[in-house]
N, C-alpha and C. Protein backbone atom coordinates (compact mmCIF):
# COMPACT_ATOMS: atom_id res chain seq x y z
N MET A 1 0.84 -1.20 0.00
CA MET A 1 0.00 0.00 0.00
C MET A 1 0.88 1.26 0.00
N LYS A 2 0.49 2.23 -0.80
CA LYS A 2 1.27 3.45 -0.90
C LYS A 2 1.16 4.27 0.38
N PRO A 3 2.28 4.88 0.84
CA PRO A 3 2.20 5.76 2.01
C PRO A 3 1.36 6.99 1.71
N ARG A 4 0.58 7.42 2.68
CA ARG A 4 -0.27 8.59 2.54
C ARG A 4 0.54 9.82 2.96
N VAL A 5 0.61 10.81 2.08
CA VAL A 5 1.54 11.94 2.27
C VAL A 5 0.80 13.27 2.24
N ILE A 6 1.19 14.17 3.14
CA ILE A 6 0.79 15.57 3.09
C ILE A 6 2.02 16.38 2.69
N VAL A 7 1.87 17.29 1.74
CA VAL A 7 2.94 18.19 1.33
C VAL A 7 2.66 19.57 1.92
N ALA A 8 3.62 20.11 2.66
CA ALA A 8 3.48 21.42 3.30
C ALA A 8 4.54 22.37 2.77
N ASP A 9 4.12 23.31 1.93
CA ASP A 9 5.05 24.30 1.37
C ASP A 9 4.23 25.52 0.96
N ASP A 10 4.74 26.71 1.28
CA ASP A 10 3.96 27.92 0.98
C ASP A 10 4.17 28.44 -0.44
N HIS A 11 4.95 27.73 -1.25
CA HIS A 11 5.11 28.09 -2.65
C HIS A 11 4.30 27.10 -3.50
N THR A 12 3.26 27.60 -4.14
CA THR A 12 2.33 26.73 -4.86
C THR A 12 3.02 25.90 -5.94
N LEU A 13 3.91 26.53 -6.73
CA LEU A 13 4.59 25.81 -7.79
C LEU A 13 5.46 24.68 -7.24
N VAL A 14 6.13 24.96 -6.12
CA VAL A 14 6.97 23.93 -5.50
C VAL A 14 6.10 22.77 -5.02
N ALA A 15 5.00 23.09 -4.37
CA ALA A 15 4.12 22.05 -3.86
C ALA A 15 3.58 21.18 -4.99
N GLU A 16 3.18 21.82 -6.10
CA GLU A 16 2.67 21.07 -7.24
C GLU A 16 3.74 20.17 -7.85
N ALA A 17 4.97 20.69 -7.93
CA ALA A 17 6.07 19.89 -8.47
C ALA A 17 6.37 18.69 -7.58
N LEU A 18 6.32 18.89 -6.27
CA LEU A 18 6.57 17.80 -5.33
C LEU A 18 5.52 16.71 -5.49
N CYS A 19 4.28 17.13 -5.65
CA CYS A 19 3.19 16.16 -5.83
C CYS A 19 3.42 15.31 -7.07
N GLN A 20 3.89 15.93 -8.14
CA GLN A 20 4.16 15.20 -9.37
C GLN A 20 5.30 14.20 -9.20
N VAL A 21 6.31 14.62 -8.44
CA VAL A 21 7.49 13.76 -8.25
C VAL A 21 7.11 12.49 -7.48
N ILE A 22 6.28 12.63 -6.46
CA ILE A 22 6.04 11.49 -5.56
C ILE A 22 4.72 10.76 -5.81
N SER A 23 3.86 11.31 -6.67
CA SER A 23 2.51 10.74 -6.83
C SER A 23 2.51 9.31 -7.36
N ALA A 24 3.52 8.92 -8.13
CA ALA A 24 3.57 7.56 -8.66
C ALA A 24 3.85 6.52 -7.57
N HIS A 25 4.45 6.97 -6.48
CA HIS A 25 4.85 6.04 -5.42
C HIS A 25 4.13 6.30 -4.10
N CYS A 26 3.41 7.42 -4.01
CA CYS A 26 2.73 7.79 -2.77
C CYS A 26 1.32 8.29 -3.08
N GLU A 27 0.46 8.23 -2.08
CA GLU A 27 -0.86 8.83 -2.20
C GLU A 27 -0.81 10.21 -1.56
N VAL A 28 -0.78 11.26 -2.38
CA VAL A 28 -0.75 12.62 -1.84
C VAL A 28 -2.17 13.00 -1.47
N ILE A 29 -2.44 13.10 -0.18
CA ILE A 29 -3.81 13.32 0.27
C ILE A 29 -4.15 14.80 0.44
N LEU A 30 -3.12 15.66 0.51
CA LEU A 30 -3.41 17.08 0.75
C LEU A 30 -2.13 17.89 0.58
N THR A 31 -2.29 19.16 0.19
CA THR A 31 -1.19 20.12 0.26
C THR A 31 -1.66 21.29 1.10
N VAL A 32 -0.77 21.83 1.92
CA VAL A 32 -1.08 22.99 2.76
C VAL A 32 0.03 24.01 2.62
N SER A 33 -0.28 25.28 2.94
CA SER A 33 0.69 26.34 2.69
C SER A 33 1.16 27.08 3.94
N ASP A 34 0.72 26.66 5.12
CA ASP A 34 1.24 27.27 6.34
C ASP A 34 1.20 26.27 7.48
N GLY A 35 1.99 26.55 8.52
CA GLY A 35 2.12 25.62 9.62
C GLY A 35 0.86 25.42 10.41
N HIS A 36 0.04 26.46 10.53
CA HIS A 36 -1.20 26.36 11.28
C HIS A 36 -2.17 25.41 10.58
N ALA A 37 -2.29 25.56 9.25
CA ALA A 37 -3.15 24.67 8.47
C ALA A 37 -2.63 23.23 8.52
N LEU A 38 -1.33 23.08 8.58
CA LEU A 38 -0.75 21.74 8.66
C LEU A 38 -1.17 21.04 9.94
N LEU A 39 -1.10 21.73 11.07
CA LEU A 39 -1.51 21.12 12.33
C LEU A 39 -2.96 20.66 12.27
N GLU A 40 -3.82 21.50 11.72
CA GLU A 40 -5.24 21.14 11.64
C GLU A 40 -5.45 19.95 10.70
N SER A 41 -4.75 19.91 9.59
CA SER A 41 -4.95 18.84 8.61
C SER A 41 -4.43 17.50 9.13
N VAL A 42 -3.35 17.53 9.90
CA VAL A 42 -2.80 16.29 10.43
C VAL A 42 -3.79 15.62 11.37
N ALA A 43 -4.44 16.40 12.20
CA ALA A 43 -5.41 15.84 13.13
C ALA A 43 -6.58 15.18 12.40
N CYS A 44 -6.92 15.71 11.22
CA CYS A 44 -8.05 15.18 10.45
C CYS A 44 -7.67 13.98 9.58
N HIS A 45 -6.49 14.05 8.94
CA HIS A 45 -6.15 13.07 7.91
C HIS A 45 -5.17 11.98 8.36
N LYS A 46 -4.44 12.19 9.44
CA LYS A 46 -3.50 11.19 9.95
C LYS A 46 -2.62 10.58 8.84
N PRO A 47 -1.75 11.40 8.22
CA PRO A 47 -0.89 10.87 7.14
C PRO A 47 0.20 9.95 7.69
N ASP A 48 0.82 9.21 6.79
CA ASP A 48 1.98 8.40 7.18
C ASP A 48 3.24 9.26 7.18
N VAL A 49 3.32 10.16 6.19
CA VAL A 49 4.51 10.98 5.98
C VAL A 49 4.10 12.42 5.68
N ILE A 50 4.89 13.37 6.17
CA ILE A 50 4.70 14.77 5.80
C ILE A 50 6.00 15.27 5.19
N VAL A 51 5.92 15.80 3.98
CA VAL A 51 7.06 16.48 3.36
C VAL A 51 6.87 17.96 3.67
N ILE A 52 7.78 18.53 4.44
CA ILE A 52 7.53 19.82 5.06
C ILE A 52 8.67 20.81 4.84
N ASP A 53 8.31 22.03 4.52
CA ASP A 53 9.28 23.12 4.39
C ASP A 53 9.55 23.69 5.79
N ILE A 54 10.67 24.36 5.96
CA ILE A 54 10.96 25.00 7.24
C ILE A 54 10.35 26.38 7.33
N SER A 55 10.56 27.19 6.32
CA SER A 55 10.10 28.57 6.36
C SER A 55 8.67 28.66 5.83
N MET A 56 7.71 28.71 6.77
CA MET A 56 6.30 28.84 6.39
C MET A 56 5.65 29.89 7.28
N PRO A 57 4.62 30.57 6.76
CA PRO A 57 3.94 31.60 7.55
C PRO A 57 3.08 30.99 8.66
N LEU A 58 2.73 31.83 9.64
CA LEU A 58 1.85 31.51 10.76
C LEU A 58 2.48 30.56 11.78
N LEU A 59 3.20 29.55 11.30
CA LEU A 59 3.92 28.64 12.19
C LEU A 59 5.00 27.96 11.36
N ASN A 60 6.27 28.13 11.76
CA ASN A 60 7.33 27.57 10.92
C ASN A 60 7.36 26.05 10.99
N GLY A 61 8.01 25.45 10.00
CA GLY A 61 8.01 24.01 9.89
C GLY A 61 8.64 23.27 11.05
N LEU A 62 9.67 23.85 11.64
CA LEU A 62 10.31 23.20 12.79
C LEU A 62 9.34 23.10 13.97
N GLU A 63 8.66 24.21 14.26
CA GLU A 63 7.74 24.21 15.39
C GLU A 63 6.52 23.35 15.09
N ALA A 64 6.00 23.43 13.86
CA ALA A 64 4.86 22.59 13.50
C ALA A 64 5.24 21.12 13.62
N GLY A 65 6.45 20.78 13.14
CA GLY A 65 6.91 19.40 13.23
C GLY A 65 7.06 18.94 14.67
N ARG A 66 7.58 19.82 15.52
CA ARG A 66 7.74 19.46 16.94
C ARG A 66 6.40 19.13 17.57
N GLN A 67 5.41 19.96 17.28
CA GLN A 67 4.08 19.72 17.85
C GLN A 67 3.44 18.46 17.29
N ILE A 68 3.65 18.21 16.01
CA ILE A 68 3.09 17.00 15.39
C ILE A 68 3.68 15.75 16.01
N LYS A 69 5.01 15.73 16.19
CA LYS A 69 5.66 14.55 16.76
C LYS A 69 5.25 14.33 18.22
N THR A 70 4.92 15.40 18.92
CA THR A 70 4.45 15.26 20.31
C THR A 70 3.10 14.57 20.36
N LYS A 71 2.21 14.94 19.44
CA LYS A 71 0.85 14.39 19.43
C LYS A 71 0.73 13.10 18.62
N PHE A 72 1.52 13.02 17.53
CA PHE A 72 1.42 11.86 16.63
C PHE A 72 2.82 11.33 16.34
N PRO A 73 3.42 10.65 17.29
CA PRO A 73 4.83 10.25 17.16
C PRO A 73 5.11 9.28 16.01
N THR A 74 4.10 8.59 15.50
CA THR A 74 4.35 7.63 14.42
C THR A 74 4.40 8.29 13.04
N ILE A 75 3.94 9.53 12.92
CA ILE A 75 3.99 10.22 11.63
C ILE A 75 5.44 10.59 11.31
N LYS A 76 5.85 10.33 10.09
CA LYS A 76 7.22 10.61 9.67
C LYS A 76 7.31 12.00 9.04
N LEU A 77 8.33 12.74 9.43
CA LEU A 77 8.55 14.09 8.91
C LEU A 77 9.80 14.11 8.04
N ILE A 78 9.66 14.64 6.83
CA ILE A 78 10.81 14.82 5.95
C ILE A 78 10.88 16.29 5.57
N TYR A 79 11.94 16.94 5.99
CA TYR A 79 12.11 18.36 5.70
C TYR A 79 12.76 18.53 4.33
N LEU A 80 12.15 19.41 3.53
CA LEU A 80 12.68 19.73 2.21
C LEU A 80 12.77 21.25 2.11
N THR A 81 13.98 21.78 2.11
CA THR A 81 14.16 23.21 2.30
C THR A 81 15.32 23.74 1.47
N MET A 82 15.36 25.04 1.30
CA MET A 82 16.50 25.69 0.65
C MET A 82 17.57 26.04 1.68
N ASN A 83 17.22 25.96 2.95
CA ASN A 83 18.12 26.39 4.01
C ASN A 83 19.19 25.34 4.28
N GLU A 84 20.45 25.71 4.07
CA GLU A 84 21.56 24.77 4.22
C GLU A 84 22.27 24.87 5.57
N ASP A 85 21.65 25.53 6.51
CA ASP A 85 22.23 25.67 7.84
C ASP A 85 22.21 24.32 8.55
N PRO A 86 23.37 23.73 8.84
CA PRO A 86 23.40 22.40 9.47
C PRO A 86 22.78 22.39 10.86
N GLU A 87 22.80 23.53 11.55
CA GLU A 87 22.18 23.57 12.87
C GLU A 87 20.66 23.40 12.78
N LEU A 88 20.07 23.95 11.72
CA LEU A 88 18.64 23.75 11.52
C LEU A 88 18.35 22.27 11.26
N ALA A 89 19.20 21.65 10.47
CA ALA A 89 19.02 20.22 10.19
C ALA A 89 19.14 19.40 11.48
N MET A 90 20.11 19.74 12.30
CA MET A 90 20.28 19.03 13.57
C MET A 90 19.06 19.23 14.47
N GLU A 91 18.54 20.44 14.48
CA GLU A 91 17.37 20.72 15.31
C GLU A 91 16.16 19.94 14.80
N ALA A 92 16.00 19.88 13.50
CA ALA A 92 14.89 19.12 12.93
C ALA A 92 14.98 17.65 13.31
N MET A 93 16.16 17.08 13.25
CA MET A 93 16.33 15.67 13.60
C MET A 93 16.11 15.44 15.09
N ARG A 94 16.51 16.41 15.91
CA ARG A 94 16.27 16.28 17.36
C ARG A 94 14.78 16.30 17.67
N PHE A 95 14.03 17.03 16.87
CA PHE A 95 12.59 17.09 17.07
C PHE A 95 11.88 15.84 16.55
N GLY A 96 12.64 14.92 15.96
CA GLY A 96 12.05 13.66 15.53
C GLY A 96 11.88 13.49 14.04
N ALA A 97 12.51 14.35 13.22
CA ALA A 97 12.40 14.21 11.77
C ALA A 97 13.04 12.91 11.30
N SER A 98 12.52 12.38 10.21
CA SER A 98 13.09 11.18 9.61
C SER A 98 13.98 11.50 8.43
N GLY A 99 13.90 12.74 7.94
CA GLY A 99 14.72 13.09 6.79
C GLY A 99 14.93 14.58 6.66
N TYR A 100 16.02 14.95 6.00
CA TYR A 100 16.33 16.36 5.75
C TYR A 100 17.01 16.45 4.40
N LEU A 101 16.35 17.14 3.46
CA LEU A 101 16.89 17.30 2.11
C LEU A 101 16.84 18.76 1.71
N LEU A 102 17.60 19.09 0.68
CA LEU A 102 17.58 20.44 0.12
C LEU A 102 16.73 20.44 -1.15
N LYS A 103 16.16 21.60 -1.46
CA LYS A 103 15.30 21.68 -2.64
C LYS A 103 16.08 21.52 -3.94
N LYS A 104 17.39 21.61 -3.85
CA LYS A 104 18.21 21.34 -5.04
C LYS A 104 18.59 19.87 -5.15
N SER A 105 18.11 19.06 -4.21
CA SER A 105 18.34 17.61 -4.29
C SER A 105 17.52 17.04 -5.43
N ALA A 106 17.92 15.89 -5.92
CA ALA A 106 17.19 15.23 -7.00
C ALA A 106 15.86 14.67 -6.49
N GLY A 107 14.89 14.58 -7.40
CA GLY A 107 13.60 14.03 -7.01
C GLY A 107 13.71 12.59 -6.52
N SER A 108 14.63 11.85 -7.10
CA SER A 108 14.82 10.45 -6.68
C SER A 108 15.28 10.37 -5.23
N GLU A 109 15.99 11.40 -4.78
CA GLU A 109 16.47 11.41 -3.39
C GLU A 109 15.30 11.59 -2.43
N LEU A 110 14.32 12.39 -2.82
CA LEU A 110 13.13 12.55 -1.98
C LEU A 110 12.38 11.23 -1.85
N LEU A 111 12.28 10.51 -2.94
CA LEU A 111 11.62 9.20 -2.89
C LEU A 111 12.39 8.23 -1.99
N GLN A 112 13.72 8.28 -2.05
CA GLN A 112 14.54 7.44 -1.17
C GLN A 112 14.27 7.79 0.29
N ALA A 113 14.17 9.10 0.57
CA ALA A 113 13.93 9.53 1.95
C ALA A 113 12.57 9.06 2.46
N ILE A 114 11.55 9.13 1.61
CA ILE A 114 10.22 8.67 2.00
C ILE A 114 10.23 7.17 2.26
N GLN A 115 10.88 6.44 1.38
CA GLN A 115 10.95 4.98 1.55
C GLN A 115 11.70 4.61 2.84
N ALA A 116 12.77 5.35 3.12
CA ALA A 116 13.53 5.09 4.34
C ALA A 116 12.68 5.40 5.57
N ALA A 117 11.95 6.50 5.53
CA ALA A 117 11.11 6.90 6.66
C ALA A 117 10.05 5.86 6.95
N VAL A 118 9.41 5.35 5.90
CA VAL A 118 8.37 4.34 6.07
C VAL A 118 8.94 3.08 6.72
N ARG A 119 10.20 2.79 6.43
CA ARG A 119 10.85 1.61 7.03
C ARG A 119 11.40 1.89 8.43
N GLY A 120 11.19 3.11 8.92
CA GLY A 120 11.66 3.44 10.26
C GLY A 120 13.10 3.91 10.32
N LYS A 121 13.66 4.28 9.16
CA LYS A 121 15.04 4.75 9.11
C LYS A 121 15.10 6.25 8.83
N SER A 122 16.30 6.81 8.96
CA SER A 122 16.49 8.24 8.71
C SER A 122 17.28 8.45 7.44
N TYR A 123 17.09 9.63 6.83
CA TYR A 123 17.80 9.95 5.60
C TYR A 123 18.16 11.44 5.61
N VAL A 124 19.45 11.72 5.52
CA VAL A 124 19.93 13.11 5.42
C VAL A 124 20.76 13.22 4.16
N THR A 125 20.45 14.21 3.33
CA THR A 125 21.19 14.38 2.09
C THR A 125 22.69 14.59 2.35
N LYS A 126 23.50 14.02 1.48
CA LYS A 126 24.95 14.14 1.64
C LYS A 126 25.40 15.60 1.58
N GLN A 127 24.60 16.43 0.91
CA GLN A 127 24.95 17.84 0.75
C GLN A 127 25.01 18.58 2.09
N ILE A 128 24.38 18.02 3.11
CA ILE A 128 24.37 18.71 4.39
C ILE A 128 24.83 17.82 5.55
N ALA A 129 24.95 16.54 5.32
CA ALA A 129 25.34 15.62 6.40
C ALA A 129 26.71 15.98 6.98
N ARG A 130 27.66 16.32 6.12
CA ARG A 130 29.00 16.67 6.60
C ARG A 130 28.96 17.92 7.48
N GLY A 131 28.17 18.91 7.05
CA GLY A 131 28.04 20.12 7.85
C GLY A 131 27.43 19.84 9.20
N MET A 132 26.50 18.88 9.29
CA MET A 132 25.90 18.50 10.57
C MET A 132 26.95 17.89 11.49
N GLN A 133 27.80 17.05 10.93
CA GLN A 133 28.85 16.42 11.73
C GLN A 133 29.81 17.47 12.27
N GLU A 134 30.22 18.41 11.41
CA GLU A 134 31.15 19.45 11.83
C GLU A 134 30.52 20.36 12.88
N SER A 135 29.22 20.65 12.70
CA SER A 135 28.52 21.50 13.66
C SER A 135 28.43 20.81 15.01
N PHE A 136 28.20 19.50 15.01
CA PHE A 136 28.10 18.77 16.26
C PHE A 136 29.45 18.72 16.98
N ILE A 137 30.52 18.58 16.21
CA ILE A 137 31.86 18.55 16.82
C ILE A 137 32.17 19.89 17.48
N ARG A 138 31.77 20.99 16.80
CA ARG A 138 32.02 22.32 17.35
C ARG A 138 31.15 22.61 18.57
N ASN A 139 29.90 22.13 18.54
CA ASN A 139 28.96 22.46 19.61
C ASN A 139 28.02 21.29 19.86
N PRO A 140 28.47 20.31 20.64
CA PRO A 140 27.66 19.11 20.86
C PRO A 140 26.46 19.33 21.77
N GLN A 141 26.42 20.46 22.48
CA GLN A 141 25.31 20.71 23.39
C GLN A 141 24.02 20.92 22.60
N VAL A 142 22.92 20.41 23.13
CA VAL A 142 21.62 20.61 22.51
C VAL A 142 21.18 22.04 22.75
N ARG A 143 20.69 22.67 21.69
CA ARG A 143 20.22 24.04 21.81
C ARG A 143 19.04 24.10 22.75
N SER A 144 19.05 25.07 23.66
CA SER A 144 17.90 25.25 24.54
C SER A 144 16.79 25.98 23.82
N GLY A 145 17.16 26.81 22.82
CA GLY A 145 16.18 27.49 22.00
C GLY A 145 15.17 28.24 22.84
N SER A 146 13.90 28.05 22.51
CA SER A 146 12.83 28.75 23.22
C SER A 146 11.98 27.75 23.99
N LYS A 147 12.64 26.75 24.59
CA LYS A 147 11.90 25.69 25.24
C LYS A 147 11.11 26.16 26.45
N SER A 148 11.39 27.36 26.95
CA SER A 148 10.64 27.86 28.10
C SER A 148 9.25 28.31 27.69
N LEU A 149 9.00 28.46 26.39
CA LEU A 149 7.70 28.89 25.92
C LEU A 149 6.79 27.69 25.65
N THR A 150 5.50 27.88 25.86
CA THR A 150 4.54 26.85 25.52
C THR A 150 4.31 26.88 24.00
N PRO A 151 3.73 25.81 23.44
CA PRO A 151 3.43 25.82 22.00
C PRO A 151 2.57 27.02 21.60
N ARG A 152 1.56 27.38 22.39
CA ARG A 152 0.73 28.52 22.05
C ARG A 152 1.53 29.82 22.10
N GLN A 153 2.42 29.95 23.09
CA GLN A 153 3.25 31.15 23.17
C GLN A 153 4.18 31.26 21.96
N ARG A 154 4.70 30.15 21.48
CA ARG A 154 5.55 30.17 20.29
C ARG A 154 4.77 30.66 19.08
N GLN A 155 3.52 30.19 18.97
CA GLN A 155 2.69 30.64 17.86
C GLN A 155 2.45 32.14 17.93
N VAL A 156 2.16 32.64 19.13
CA VAL A 156 1.93 34.07 19.31
C VAL A 156 3.18 34.86 18.93
N VAL A 157 4.33 34.39 19.38
CA VAL A 157 5.59 35.09 19.07
C VAL A 157 5.82 35.14 17.57
N GLN A 158 5.64 34.00 16.87
CA GLN A 158 5.88 34.01 15.43
C GLN A 158 4.92 34.95 14.72
N LEU A 159 3.64 34.89 15.06
CA LEU A 159 2.66 35.73 14.40
C LEU A 159 2.96 37.22 14.60
N LEU A 160 3.31 37.60 15.81
CA LEU A 160 3.61 39.00 16.09
C LEU A 160 4.94 39.41 15.45
N ALA A 161 5.93 38.51 15.49
CA ALA A 161 7.24 38.83 14.91
C ALA A 161 7.16 38.96 13.40
N GLU A 162 6.19 38.29 12.78
CA GLU A 162 6.00 38.39 11.33
C GLU A 162 5.26 39.67 10.93
N GLY A 163 4.86 40.45 11.94
CA GLY A 163 4.22 41.73 11.64
C GLY A 163 2.71 41.74 11.74
N ASN A 164 2.12 40.64 12.20
CA ASN A 164 0.67 40.61 12.38
C ASN A 164 0.27 41.45 13.58
N SER A 165 -0.88 42.09 13.49
CA SER A 165 -1.43 42.81 14.63
C SER A 165 -2.02 41.80 15.61
N MET A 166 -2.33 42.24 16.82
CA MET A 166 -2.92 41.33 17.79
C MET A 166 -4.28 40.82 17.31
N LYS A 167 -5.00 41.67 16.60
CA LYS A 167 -6.30 41.27 16.05
C LYS A 167 -6.12 40.20 14.97
N GLN A 168 -5.10 40.37 14.11
CA GLN A 168 -4.83 39.39 13.07
C GLN A 168 -4.35 38.07 13.67
N ALA A 169 -3.48 38.15 14.67
CA ALA A 169 -3.00 36.94 15.34
C ALA A 169 -4.15 36.21 16.02
N ALA A 170 -5.04 36.97 16.62
CA ALA A 170 -6.20 36.37 17.29
C ALA A 170 -7.09 35.64 16.29
N ALA A 171 -7.24 36.22 15.08
CA ALA A 171 -8.07 35.58 14.06
C ALA A 171 -7.47 34.25 13.62
N VAL A 172 -6.14 34.21 13.48
CA VAL A 172 -5.47 32.98 13.08
C VAL A 172 -5.62 31.91 14.15
N LEU A 173 -5.45 32.31 15.40
CA LEU A 173 -5.49 31.37 16.52
C LEU A 173 -6.90 31.09 17.01
N ARG A 174 -7.86 31.88 16.49
CA ARG A 174 -9.27 31.72 16.87
C ARG A 174 -9.49 31.95 18.35
N VAL A 175 -8.89 33.02 18.83
CA VAL A 175 -9.06 33.46 20.21
C VAL A 175 -9.37 34.95 20.20
N ALA A 176 -9.69 35.49 21.35
CA ALA A 176 -9.97 36.92 21.45
C ALA A 176 -8.67 37.71 21.43
N PRO A 177 -8.66 38.93 20.87
CA PRO A 177 -7.44 39.76 20.86
C PRO A 177 -6.86 39.95 22.25
N ARG A 178 -7.72 40.04 23.25
CA ARG A 178 -7.20 40.23 24.61
C ARG A 178 -6.40 39.02 25.09
N THR A 179 -6.72 37.84 24.53
CA THR A 179 -5.95 36.64 24.88
C THR A 179 -4.54 36.73 24.32
N VAL A 180 -4.43 37.21 23.07
CA VAL A 180 -3.12 37.41 22.46
C VAL A 180 -2.34 38.47 23.24
N ALA A 181 -3.03 39.55 23.62
CA ALA A 181 -2.38 40.61 24.38
C ALA A 181 -1.85 40.07 25.70
N PHE A 182 -2.63 39.19 26.33
CA PHE A 182 -2.19 38.60 27.59
C PHE A 182 -0.95 37.74 27.40
N HIS A 183 -0.97 36.92 26.32
CA HIS A 183 0.20 36.08 26.03
C HIS A 183 1.44 36.95 25.79
N LYS A 184 1.27 38.00 25.00
CA LYS A 184 2.40 38.87 24.69
C LYS A 184 2.96 39.49 25.97
N TYR A 185 2.07 39.95 26.84
CA TYR A 185 2.50 40.57 28.10
C TYR A 185 3.29 39.57 28.94
N ARG A 186 2.78 38.34 29.07
CA ARG A 186 3.46 37.33 29.88
C ARG A 186 4.80 36.94 29.28
N ILE A 187 4.84 36.79 27.95
CA ILE A 187 6.08 36.41 27.28
C ILE A 187 7.16 37.47 27.50
N MET A 188 6.80 38.72 27.25
CA MET A 188 7.78 39.79 27.37
C MET A 188 8.21 39.98 28.82
N GLN A 189 7.28 39.80 29.74
CA GLN A 189 7.62 39.90 31.16
C GLN A 189 8.57 38.77 31.57
N ASP A 190 8.24 37.55 31.18
CA ASP A 190 9.05 36.39 31.57
C ASP A 190 10.45 36.43 30.95
N LEU A 191 10.55 36.98 29.73
CA LEU A 191 11.83 37.00 29.02
C LEU A 191 12.59 38.30 29.23
N GLY A 192 11.98 39.24 29.93
CA GLY A 192 12.65 40.51 30.18
C GLY A 192 12.77 41.38 28.95
N LEU A 193 11.79 41.29 28.05
CA LEU A 193 11.80 42.09 26.82
C LEU A 193 10.95 43.34 27.01
N LYS A 194 11.37 44.43 26.38
CA LYS A 194 10.66 45.70 26.58
C LYS A 194 9.99 46.23 25.31
N THR A 195 10.48 45.82 24.15
CA THR A 195 9.93 46.36 22.90
C THR A 195 9.61 45.23 21.92
N THR A 196 8.81 45.56 20.93
CA THR A 196 8.48 44.58 19.89
C THR A 196 9.73 44.20 19.11
N ALA A 197 10.64 45.14 18.93
CA ALA A 197 11.90 44.85 18.22
C ALA A 197 12.69 43.77 18.96
N GLU A 198 12.71 43.85 20.28
CA GLU A 198 13.40 42.83 21.07
C GLU A 198 12.70 41.48 20.94
N LEU A 199 11.37 41.51 20.82
CA LEU A 199 10.62 40.27 20.64
C LEU A 199 10.98 39.63 19.30
N VAL A 200 11.11 40.44 18.26
CA VAL A 200 11.50 39.93 16.94
C VAL A 200 12.90 39.33 17.00
N GLN A 201 13.82 40.02 17.67
CA GLN A 201 15.19 39.51 17.80
C GLN A 201 15.18 38.16 18.52
N PHE A 202 14.38 38.06 19.56
CA PHE A 202 14.27 36.80 20.30
C PHE A 202 13.74 35.69 19.39
N ALA A 203 12.74 36.02 18.57
CA ALA A 203 12.13 35.04 17.67
C ALA A 203 13.14 34.51 16.67
N VAL A 204 13.99 35.40 16.15
CA VAL A 204 15.01 34.99 15.18
C VAL A 204 16.07 34.11 15.85
N LYS A 205 16.57 34.54 17.01
CA LYS A 205 17.61 33.79 17.71
C LYS A 205 17.12 32.43 18.16
N SER A 206 15.84 32.33 18.48
CA SER A 206 15.27 31.08 18.99
C SER A 206 14.71 30.20 17.90
N ARG A 207 14.89 30.59 16.64
CA ARG A 207 14.41 29.83 15.49
C ARG A 207 12.90 29.76 15.43
N ILE A 208 12.20 30.69 16.08
CA ILE A 208 10.74 30.71 15.99
C ILE A 208 10.32 31.27 14.65
N ILE A 209 11.08 32.23 14.14
CA ILE A 209 10.92 32.63 12.74
C ILE A 209 12.24 32.33 12.05
N VAL A 210 12.13 31.81 10.85
CA VAL A 210 13.30 31.38 10.09
C VAL A 210 13.36 32.21 8.82
N GLY A 211 14.58 32.54 8.40
CA GLY A 211 14.76 33.36 7.22
C GLY A 211 13.96 32.88 6.03
N GLN A 212 13.30 33.80 5.35
CA GLN A 212 12.46 33.43 4.21
C GLN A 212 13.33 32.91 3.06
N GLU A 213 12.76 31.96 2.32
CA GLU A 213 13.47 31.33 1.19
C GLU A 213 12.96 31.86 -0.12
């Protein structure tokens, strides 16, 4: 039986191309364009594999993947990104990813990664595996990142750091604006931040928002 796959990428052309590459060997059940929609779709469709980008609006792929693995540990995550930062790859694998590839990788490599994931194995493209090893040698400690924040607080931080107003963030999260305001107040108080600019800097350093591709 073909593995059931969700493709998560905010670039429509990329998502369509990915579907064409894997459709002969997988059942593509859905494509989504942001991390928030991905979380909702996973709960409904329970895919076997998710091919996921890192840089996505509303909720980045790393954070979405972390939350998915917490709730649905058997779902396999394969990151497909333009970002060649080995630390991001290491973080993705620590969160439970089964694969990490670059968008310049061959289509056949993505199929290999999916097949490996279904068998319970991991696959990292050679283009970045060496960098991961070197990064680990330089800094073997696990990044603490923004682990002091709850999943909802991380979502609030990303939405606000991306320039959304509290009303817009509230609409995405389906809560009242005052709830977002409360989260922002608690986050900034707990982290000792005084301005929105400092909140954005924190989001970047903590990988809550990732450079756009």
